[in-house]
Each structure stands twice: as structure tokens, then as C-alpha cells.
């Protein structure tokens, strides 16, 4: 395995771990902690996901640079490109809708629940599968 492929493998699994840890462990559990109100949970979530998404962009770009240096097999490229595309959909289409609701709740308004949350979670599941598949396919090089 060359250096570019090794970097792509490592970054894929780091990205996967971050998504699993934050989206599927931290996010739902914070609302179960004693004393955490919806407003506090949303405030923490906005900050955590803003940072997570910024790091995801950096990780995705790192993989794409590695791919530019040493193109991977088509299946690995396709899997990682699905993860990158999902991230872009989340950032450009879903997160703005979630942000509108969270701003309203944080401002004390009685905002209805957003269906965008379900879309975000579904996209996270797709991203997890794509990153796992991409990482495994890259590892098999």
C-alpha cells in the first residue's frame, strides 16, 4: 500500500469513528443527562455539529487529495464520493432547516419539530455505510 492509500484508509476510518461517536452516541445521550433542557441540548448540539462538519470537510478534502495523488479502484472511489456527496447535502440542504428551528427554540419560540432531523439521521446512516465500505475497499488494496 502506498502512502496516499494509507492516508485515505486512515482518514476514512477516523471520519467514520467521529460520525459514529457524535451522531449516534453523543447527540442522543446528551438529552438524557440530568438537568439538560432542550435549549441547552440544542445549544451544545449546534456547536458540536458545526465543528464536526468543519472537520468532516477537512477529512473529505484530505481523502480527495490522496485520491488525486494515487487514484483508487472505482468501487472505493464511488463509496467515498457517496460520503462526500452526503456531507454536501447535509451542509447545504438539511443543516439550514435544522438551524432555523434551533434558532427559534433557543429564542424561546414554540417551534414545531422539524422533519429535517430525520433526513439528517438517514443521511448519517448512508454516510456511515459509505465510509465503512470505502475504508474496507481501500484497505484491501
C-alpha atoms as a PDB file:
ATOM      1  CA  UNK A   1       0.000   0.000   0.000  1.00  0.00           C
ATOM      2  CA  UNK A   2       1.385   3.395  -0.943  1.00  0.00           C
ATOM      3  CA  UNK A   3       1.336   6.491   1.278  1.00  0.00           C
ATOM      4  CA  UNK A   4      -1.667   8.117  -0.423  1.00  0.00           C
ATOM      5  CA  UNK A   5      -3.752   4.965   0.010  1.00  0.00           C
ATOM      6  CA  UNK A   6      -2.644   4.628   3.641  1.00  0.00           C
ATOM      7  CA  UNK A   7      -3.692   8.211   4.346  1.00  0.00           C
ATOM      8  CA  UNK A   8      -7.050   7.652   2.636  1.00  0.00           C
ATOM      9  CA  UNK A   9      -7.676   4.493   4.690  1.00  0.00           C
ATOM     10  CA  UNK A  10      -6.740   6.153   7.977  1.00  0.00           C
ATOM     11  CA  UNK A  11      -8.778   9.280   7.286  1.00  0.00           C
ATOM     12  CA  UNK A  12     -11.800   7.233   6.186  1.00  0.00           C
ATOM     13  CA  UNK A  13     -11.851   5.328   9.465  1.00  0.00           C
ATOM     14  CA  UNK A  14     -11.205   8.445  11.574  1.00  0.00           C
ATOM     15  CA  UNK A  15     -14.116  10.136   9.801  1.00  0.00           C
ATOM     16  CA  UNK A  16     -16.297   7.067  10.356  1.00  0.00           C
ATOM     17  CA  UNK A  17     -15.406   6.992  14.053  1.00  0.00           C
ATOM     18  CA  UNK A  18     -16.218  10.657  14.521  1.00  0.00           C
ATOM     19  CA  UNK A  19     -19.630  10.308  12.871  1.00  0.00           C
ATOM     20  CA  UNK A  20     -20.482   7.228  14.930  1.00  0.00           C
ATOM     21  CA  UNK A  21     -19.305   8.779  18.194  1.00  0.00           C
ATOM     22  CA  UNK A  22     -21.002  12.122  17.795  1.00  0.00           C
ATOM     23  CA  UNK A  23     -24.119  11.432  15.756  1.00  0.00           C
ATOM     24  CA  UNK A  24     -25.089   8.103  17.256  1.00  0.00           C
ATOM     25  CA  UNK A  25     -23.695   8.297  20.789  1.00  0.00           C
ATOM     26  CA  UNK A  26     -23.181  11.878  21.988  1.00  0.00           C
ATOM     27  CA  UNK A  27     -26.151  13.531  20.288  1.00  0.00           C
ATOM     28  CA  UNK A  28     -28.913  11.305  21.630  1.00  0.00           C
ATOM     29  CA  UNK A  29     -27.339  10.782  25.054  1.00  0.00           C
ATOM     30  CA  UNK A  30     -26.887  14.448  25.919  1.00  0.00           C
ATOM     31  CA  UNK A  31     -30.654  14.868  26.215  1.00  0.00           C
ATOM     32  CA  UNK A  32     -30.766  12.087  28.828  1.00  0.00           C
ATOM     33  CA  UNK A  33     -28.278  13.785  31.142  1.00  0.00           C
ATOM     34  CA  UNK A  34     -29.802  15.277  34.303  1.00  0.00           C
ATOM     35  CA  UNK A  35     -30.557  18.973  34.006  1.00  0.00           C
ATOM     36  CA  UNK A  36     -30.087  19.197  30.237  1.00  0.00           C
ATOM     37  CA  UNK A  37     -33.027  21.096  28.815  1.00  0.00           C
ATOM     38  CA  UNK A  38     -33.969  21.142  25.150  1.00  0.00           C
ATOM     39  CA  UNK A  39     -32.426  24.615  24.865  1.00  0.00           C
ATOM     40  CA  UNK A  40     -29.138  23.541  26.454  1.00  0.00           C
ATOM     41  CA  UNK A  41     -29.036  20.360  24.372  1.00  0.00           C
ATOM     42  CA  UNK A  42     -29.681  22.288  21.169  1.00  0.00           C
ATOM     43  CA  UNK A  43     -27.039  24.860  22.056  1.00  0.00           C
ATOM     44  CA  UNK A  44     -24.463  22.128  22.651  1.00  0.00           C
ATOM     45  CA  UNK A  45     -25.572  20.241  19.539  1.00  0.00           C
ATOM     46  CA  UNK A  46     -25.261  23.280  17.284  1.00  0.00           C
ATOM     47  CA  UNK A  47     -21.707  23.857  18.459  1.00  0.00           C
ATOM     48  CA  UNK A  48     -20.672  20.199  18.293  1.00  0.00           C
ATOM     49  CA  UNK A  49     -22.136  19.615  14.828  1.00  0.00           C
ATOM     50  CA  UNK A  50     -20.694  22.866  13.463  1.00  0.00           C
ATOM     51  CA  UNK A  51     -17.225  21.670  14.492  1.00  0.00           C
ATOM     52  CA  UNK A  52     -17.875  18.083  13.368  1.00  0.00           C
ATOM     53  CA  UNK A  53     -18.986  19.239   9.944  1.00  0.00           C
ATOM     54  CA  UNK A  54     -15.953  21.513   9.572  1.00  0.00           C
ATOM     55  CA  UNK A  55     -13.662  18.598  10.433  1.00  0.00           C
ATOM     56  CA  UNK A  56     -15.596  16.354   8.036  1.00  0.00           C
ATOM     57  CA  UNK A  57     -14.943  18.825   5.221  1.00  0.00           C
ATOM     58  CA  UNK A  58     -11.222  18.749   6.022  1.00  0.00           C
ATOM     59  CA  UNK A  59     -11.213  14.936   6.178  1.00  0.00           C
ATOM     60  CA  UNK A  60     -13.112  14.645   2.900  1.00  0.00           C
ATOM     61  CA  UNK A  61     -10.722  17.054   1.202  1.00  0.00           C
ATOM     62  CA  UNK A  62      -7.760  15.114   2.576  1.00  0.00           C
ATOM     63  CA  UNK A  63      -9.084  11.901   1.049  1.00  0.00           C
ATOM     64  CA  UNK A  64      -9.720  13.621  -2.271  1.00  0.00           C
ATOM     65  CA  UNK A  65      -6.151  14.937  -2.321  1.00  0.00           C
ATOM     66  CA  UNK A  66      -4.882  11.418  -1.598  1.00  0.00           C
ATOM     67  CA  UNK A  67      -7.040  10.146  -4.471  1.00  0.00           C
ATOM     68  CA  UNK A  68      -5.625  12.806  -6.773  1.00  0.00           C
ATOM     69  CA  UNK A  69      -2.111  11.617  -5.932  1.00  0.00           C
ATOM     70  CA  UNK A  70      -2.932   7.948  -6.402  1.00  0.00           C
ATOM     71  CA  UNK A  71      -6.362   7.158  -7.862  1.00  0.00           C
ATOM     72  CA  UNK A  72      -8.078   4.260  -6.069  1.00  0.00           C
ATOM     73  CA  UNK A  73     -10.145   1.493  -7.651  1.00  0.00           C
ATOM     74  CA  UNK A  74     -13.536   2.667  -8.927  1.00  0.00           C
ATOM     75  CA  UNK A  75     -15.547   0.988  -6.150  1.00  0.00           C
ATOM     76  CA  UNK A  76     -13.534   2.658  -3.391  1.00  0.00           C
ATOM     77  CA  UNK A  77     -13.757   5.998  -5.170  1.00  0.00           C
ATOM     78  CA  UNK A  78     -17.521   5.606  -5.552  1.00  0.00           C
ATOM     79  CA  UNK A  79     -18.034   4.757  -1.884  1.00  0.00           C
ATOM     80  CA  UNK A  80     -16.029   7.733  -0.647  1.00  0.00           C
ATOM     81  CA  UNK A  81     -17.694  10.036  -3.162  1.00  0.00           C
ATOM     82  CA  UNK A  82     -21.074   8.964  -1.748  1.00  0.00           C
ATOM     83  CA  UNK A  83     -19.872  10.016   1.715  1.00  0.00           C
ATOM     84  CA  UNK A  84     -18.647  13.369   0.383  1.00  0.00           C
ATOM     85  CA  UNK A  85     -21.902  13.935  -1.526  1.00  0.00           C
ATOM     86  CA  UNK A  86     -23.967  13.101   1.560  1.00  0.00           C
ATOM     87  CA  UNK A  87     -21.949  15.590   3.594  1.00  0.00           C
ATOM     88  CA  UNK A  88     -22.611  18.280   0.989  1.00  0.00           C
ATOM     89  CA  UNK A  89     -26.356  17.563   1.029  1.00  0.00           C
ATOM     90  CA  UNK A  90     -26.342  17.754   4.817  1.00  0.00           C
ATOM     91  CA  UNK A  91     -24.467  21.046   4.823  1.00  0.00           C
ATOM     92  CA  UNK A  92     -26.312  22.760   2.001  1.00  0.00           C
ATOM     93  CA  UNK A  93     -29.859  21.420   2.292  1.00  0.00           C
ATOM     94  CA  UNK A  94     -30.561  19.884   5.703  1.00  0.00           C
ATOM     95  CA  UNK A  95     -28.471  21.861   8.208  1.00  0.00           C
ATOM     96  CA  UNK A  96     -30.034  25.231   7.243  1.00  0.00           C
ATOM     97  CA  UNK A  97     -33.503  23.841   8.043  1.00  0.00           C
ATOM     98  CA  UNK A  98     -32.286  22.438  11.345  1.00  0.00           C
ATOM     99  CA  UNK A  99     -30.606  25.748  12.153  1.00  0.00           C
ATOM    100  CA  UNK A 100     -33.840  27.683  11.617  1.00  0.00           C
ATOM    101  CA  UNK A 101     -35.688  25.505  14.117  1.00  0.00           C
ATOM    102  CA  UNK A 102     -32.900  25.511  16.681  1.00  0.00           C
ATOM    103  CA  UNK A 103     -32.605  29.325  16.457  1.00  0.00           C
ATOM    104  CA  UNK A 104     -36.335  29.604  17.094  1.00  0.00           C
ATOM    105  CA  UNK A 105     -36.222  27.229  20.079  1.00  0.00           C
ATOM    106  CA  UNK A 106     -33.180  28.996  21.525  1.00  0.00           C
ATOM    107  CA  UNK A 107     -35.039  32.310  21.141  1.00  0.00           C
ATOM    108  CA  UNK A 108     -37.833  30.886  23.298  1.00  0.00           C
ATOM    109  CA  UNK A 109     -40.330  30.321  20.494  1.00  0.00           C
ATOM    110  CA  UNK A 110     -42.533  27.248  20.406  1.00  0.00           C
ATOM    111  CA  UNK A 111     -41.218  25.873  17.108  1.00  0.00           C
ATOM    112  CA  UNK A 112     -42.723  22.657  15.728  1.00  0.00           C
ATOM    113  CA  UNK A 113     -40.460  19.624  15.441  1.00  0.00           C
ATOM    114  CA  UNK A 114     -38.530  19.503  12.212  1.00  0.00           C
ATOM    115  CA  UNK A 115     -38.686  16.535   9.858  1.00  0.00           C
ATOM    116  CA  UNK A 116     -35.256  17.635   8.642  1.00  0.00           C
ATOM    117  CA  UNK A 117     -33.801  15.877  11.686  1.00  0.00           C
ATOM    118  CA  UNK A 118     -34.948  12.521  10.306  1.00  0.00           C
ATOM    119  CA  UNK A 119     -33.389  13.347   6.946  1.00  0.00           C
ATOM    120  CA  UNK A 120     -30.111  14.232   8.660  1.00  0.00           C
ATOM    121  CA  UNK A 121     -30.069  10.933  10.580  1.00  0.00           C
ATOM    122  CA  UNK A 122     -30.898   8.937   7.440  1.00  0.00           C
ATOM    123  CA  UNK A 123     -28.069  10.682   5.607  1.00  0.00           C
ATOM    124  CA  UNK A 124     -25.739   9.929   8.518  1.00  0.00           C
ATOM    125  CA  UNK A 125     -26.588   6.238   8.139  1.00  0.00           C
ATOM    126  CA  UNK A 126     -25.793   6.384   4.418  1.00  0.00           C
ATOM    127  CA  UNK A 127     -22.537   8.164   5.211  1.00  0.00           C
ATOM    128  CA  UNK A 128     -21.571   5.510   7.780  1.00  0.00           C
ATOM    129  CA  UNK A 129     -22.143   2.701   5.276  1.00  0.00           C
ATOM    130  CA  UNK A 130     -20.251   4.582   2.548  1.00  0.00           C
ATOM    131  CA  UNK A 131     -17.278   5.331   4.804  1.00  0.00           C
ATOM    132  CA  UNK A 132     -17.133   1.773   6.089  1.00  0.00           C
ATOM    133  CA  UNK A 133     -17.322   0.359   2.556  1.00  0.00           C
ATOM    134  CA  UNK A 134     -14.801   2.881   1.245  1.00  0.00           C
ATOM    135  CA  UNK A 135     -12.369   2.240   4.070  1.00  0.00           C
ATOM    136  CA  UNK A 136     -12.593  -1.527   3.697  1.00  0.00           C
ATOM    137  CA  UNK A 137     -12.196  -1.333  -0.089  1.00  0.00           C
ATOM    138  CA  UNK A 138      -9.183   0.965   0.300  1.00  0.00           C
ATOM    139  CA  UNK A 139      -7.708  -1.337   2.933  1.00  0.00           C
ATOM    140  CA  UNK A 140      -7.915  -4.251   0.514  1.00  0.00           C
ATOM    141  CA  UNK A 141      -5.530  -2.521  -1.914  1.00  0.00           C
END
